Amino acid sequence: MDIQKNNLPDFKELNDRVIAEPSPSPSIAIKTNLDSDDITKENPYSTSHASSEFKNFFKE
């Protein structure tokens, strides 16, 4: 495994990759009939204390 690590190019030498900034355009959220009414339930992005901004994002 040490041999493979030595053969890797330095990150600065890589010219075939693009690191893009986040898009300034708006994103969309699609609600389906499978979504629960409580946005904090079964939501991998939610914590036990969801902020009002988070709740507003998922509102209809």
N, C-alpha and C. Protein backbone atom coordinates (compact mmCIF):
# COMPACT_ATOMS: atom_id res chain seq x y z
N MET A 1 0.82 -1.19 0.00
CA MET A 1 0.00 0.00 0.00
C MET A 1 0.87 1.25 0.00
N ASP A 2 2.02 1.21 0.59
CA ASP A 2 2.91 2.37 0.60
C ASP A 2 3.36 2.73 -0.81
N ILE A 3 3.52 1.73 -1.66
CA ILE A 3 3.95 1.98 -3.03
C ILE A 3 2.88 2.78 -3.77
N GLN A 4 1.62 2.44 -3.57
CA GLN A 4 0.53 3.15 -4.24
C GLN A 4 0.48 4.61 -3.79
N LYS A 5 0.69 4.86 -2.52
CA LYS A 5 0.66 6.23 -2.02
C LYS A 5 1.77 7.07 -2.64
N ASN A 6 2.91 6.47 -2.87
CA ASN A 6 4.03 7.21 -3.45
C ASN A 6 3.80 7.52 -4.93
N ASN A 7 3.00 6.72 -5.61
CA ASN A 7 2.74 6.93 -7.03
C ASN A 7 1.65 7.95 -7.30
N LEU A 8 0.95 8.40 -6.29
CA LEU A 8 -0.12 9.37 -6.49
C LEU A 8 0.46 10.74 -6.79
N PRO A 9 -0.11 11.46 -7.76
CA PRO A 9 0.40 12.80 -8.06
C PRO A 9 0.00 13.79 -6.97
N ASP A 10 0.74 14.85 -6.89
CA ASP A 10 0.42 15.91 -5.95
C ASP A 10 -0.88 16.58 -6.42
N PHE A 11 -1.70 17.01 -5.48
CA PHE A 11 -2.98 17.62 -5.83
C PHE A 11 -2.81 18.83 -6.74
N LYS A 12 -1.76 19.59 -6.56
CA LYS A 12 -1.53 20.78 -7.38
C LYS A 12 -1.20 20.42 -8.83
N GLU A 13 -0.75 19.20 -9.06
CA GLU A 13 -0.40 18.77 -10.41
C GLU A 13 -1.60 18.26 -11.20
N LEU A 14 -2.70 18.00 -10.54
CA LEU A 14 -3.87 17.48 -11.22
C LEU A 14 -4.53 18.58 -12.03
N ASN A 15 -4.68 18.37 -13.32
CA ASN A 15 -5.29 19.39 -14.17
C ASN A 15 -6.56 18.88 -14.84
N ASP A 16 -7.01 17.68 -14.50
CA ASP A 16 -8.21 17.14 -15.12
C ASP A 16 -9.41 17.19 -14.19
N ARG A 17 -9.34 18.00 -13.14
CA ARG A 17 -10.43 18.10 -12.18
C ARG A 17 -10.89 19.54 -12.07
N VAL A 18 -12.16 19.70 -11.79
CA VAL A 18 -12.73 21.02 -11.60
C VAL A 18 -13.34 21.08 -10.21
N ILE A 19 -12.94 22.06 -9.44
CA ILE A 19 -13.54 22.28 -8.14
C ILE A 19 -14.40 23.53 -8.29
N ALA A 20 -15.69 23.33 -8.35
CA ALA A 20 -16.61 24.42 -8.64
C ALA A 20 -17.18 25.02 -7.36
N GLU A 21 -17.48 26.29 -7.45
CA GLU A 21 -18.15 26.98 -6.35
C GLU A 21 -19.63 26.58 -6.38
N PRO A 22 -20.32 26.72 -5.25
CA PRO A 22 -21.75 26.42 -5.25
C PRO A 22 -22.49 27.33 -6.22
N SER A 23 -23.53 26.82 -6.79
CA SER A 23 -24.30 27.57 -7.77
C SER A 23 -25.07 28.71 -7.11
N PRO A 24 -25.02 29.91 -7.70
CA PRO A 24 -25.79 31.02 -7.14
C PRO A 24 -27.27 30.93 -7.50
N SER A 25 -27.62 30.07 -8.44
CA SER A 25 -29.02 29.95 -8.85
C SER A 25 -29.81 29.17 -7.81
N PRO A 26 -31.11 29.38 -7.78
CA PRO A 26 -31.94 28.71 -6.77
C PRO A 26 -32.01 27.20 -7.00
N SER A 27 -32.25 26.48 -5.93
CA SER A 27 -32.42 25.04 -6.04
C SER A 27 -33.90 24.72 -5.81
N ILE A 28 -34.29 23.52 -6.17
CA ILE A 28 -35.68 23.15 -6.00
C ILE A 28 -35.79 21.99 -5.02
N ALA A 29 -36.93 21.90 -4.39
CA ALA A 29 -37.26 20.77 -3.53
C ALA A 29 -38.59 20.23 -4.00
N ILE A 30 -38.69 18.95 -4.17
CA ILE A 30 -39.90 18.34 -4.69
C ILE A 30 -40.56 17.54 -3.58
N LYS A 31 -41.83 17.82 -3.36
CA LYS A 31 -42.59 17.10 -2.35
C LYS A 31 -43.44 16.05 -3.05
N THR A 32 -43.41 14.84 -2.52
CA THR A 32 -44.21 13.76 -3.08
C THR A 32 -45.23 13.31 -2.06
N ASN A 33 -46.11 12.44 -2.48
CA ASN A 33 -47.10 11.91 -1.54
C ASN A 33 -46.47 10.92 -0.56
N LEU A 34 -45.21 10.58 -0.76
CA LEU A 34 -44.51 9.68 0.17
C LEU A 34 -43.87 10.44 1.33
N ASP A 35 -43.78 11.76 1.21
CA ASP A 35 -43.18 12.57 2.27
C ASP A 35 -44.13 12.66 3.45
N SER A 36 -43.58 12.59 4.65
CA SER A 36 -44.42 12.71 5.84
C SER A 36 -44.76 14.17 6.10
N ASP A 37 -45.81 14.40 6.88
CA ASP A 37 -46.21 15.77 7.21
C ASP A 37 -45.19 16.44 8.12
N ASP A 38 -44.55 15.66 8.97
CA ASP A 38 -43.53 16.19 9.88
C ASP A 38 -42.18 16.10 9.18
N ILE A 39 -41.60 17.25 8.84
CA ILE A 39 -40.36 17.25 8.06
C ILE A 39 -39.16 16.74 8.84
N THR A 40 -39.26 16.72 10.16
CA THR A 40 -38.13 16.24 10.96
C THR A 40 -38.14 14.72 11.09
N LYS A 41 -39.23 14.10 10.71
CA LYS A 41 -39.36 12.65 10.83
C LYS A 41 -38.74 11.98 9.61
N GLU A 42 -37.84 11.06 9.83
CA GLU A 42 -37.16 10.30 8.77
C GLU A 42 -36.45 11.20 7.77
N ASN A 43 -35.94 12.31 8.23
CA ASN A 43 -35.19 13.23 7.37
C ASN A 43 -33.72 13.16 7.77
N PRO A 44 -32.85 12.69 6.88
CA PRO A 44 -31.44 12.54 7.25
C PRO A 44 -30.73 13.87 7.50
N TYR A 45 -31.31 14.98 7.04
CA TYR A 45 -30.69 16.29 7.22
C TYR A 45 -31.18 17.00 8.47
N SER A 46 -32.15 16.43 9.13
CA SER A 46 -32.75 17.07 10.30
C SER A 46 -32.11 16.58 11.59
N THR A 47 -32.05 17.48 12.55
CA THR A 47 -31.62 17.11 13.89
C THR A 47 -32.83 17.19 14.80
N SER A 48 -32.65 16.87 16.06
CA SER A 48 -33.79 16.92 16.98
C SER A 48 -34.28 18.34 17.19
N HIS A 49 -33.44 19.34 16.92
CA HIS A 49 -33.82 20.74 17.08
C HIS A 49 -33.72 21.44 15.73
N ALA A 50 -34.74 21.25 14.89
CA ALA A 50 -34.73 21.86 13.56
C ALA A 50 -35.04 23.35 13.68
N SER A 51 -34.27 24.16 12.98
CA SER A 51 -34.46 25.61 13.01
C SER A 51 -35.68 26.00 12.18
N SER A 52 -36.14 27.21 12.38
CA SER A 52 -37.29 27.70 11.60
C SER A 52 -36.91 27.82 10.13
N GLU A 53 -35.67 28.18 9.85
CA GLU A 53 -35.21 28.27 8.45
C GLU A 53 -35.28 26.90 7.78
N PHE A 54 -34.88 25.87 8.51
CA PHE A 54 -34.94 24.50 7.99
C PHE A 54 -36.38 24.10 7.72
N LYS A 55 -37.27 24.40 8.65
CA LYS A 55 -38.69 24.04 8.48
C LYS A 55 -39.30 24.81 7.32
N ASN A 56 -38.94 26.07 7.16
CA ASN A 56 -39.48 26.88 6.06
C ASN A 56 -39.01 26.36 4.71
N PHE A 57 -37.81 25.80 4.66
CA PHE A 57 -37.29 25.26 3.40
C PHE A 57 -38.17 24.12 2.89
N PHE A 58 -38.67 23.30 3.81
CA PHE A 58 -39.46 22.13 3.43
C PHE A 58 -40.96 22.39 3.43
N LYS A 59 -41.38 23.62 3.74
CA LYS A 59 -42.80 23.94 3.71
C LYS A 59 -43.31 23.93 2.28
N GLU A 60 -44.61 23.74 2.15
CA GLU A 60 -45.22 23.79 0.81
C GLU A 60 -45.30 25.21 0.33
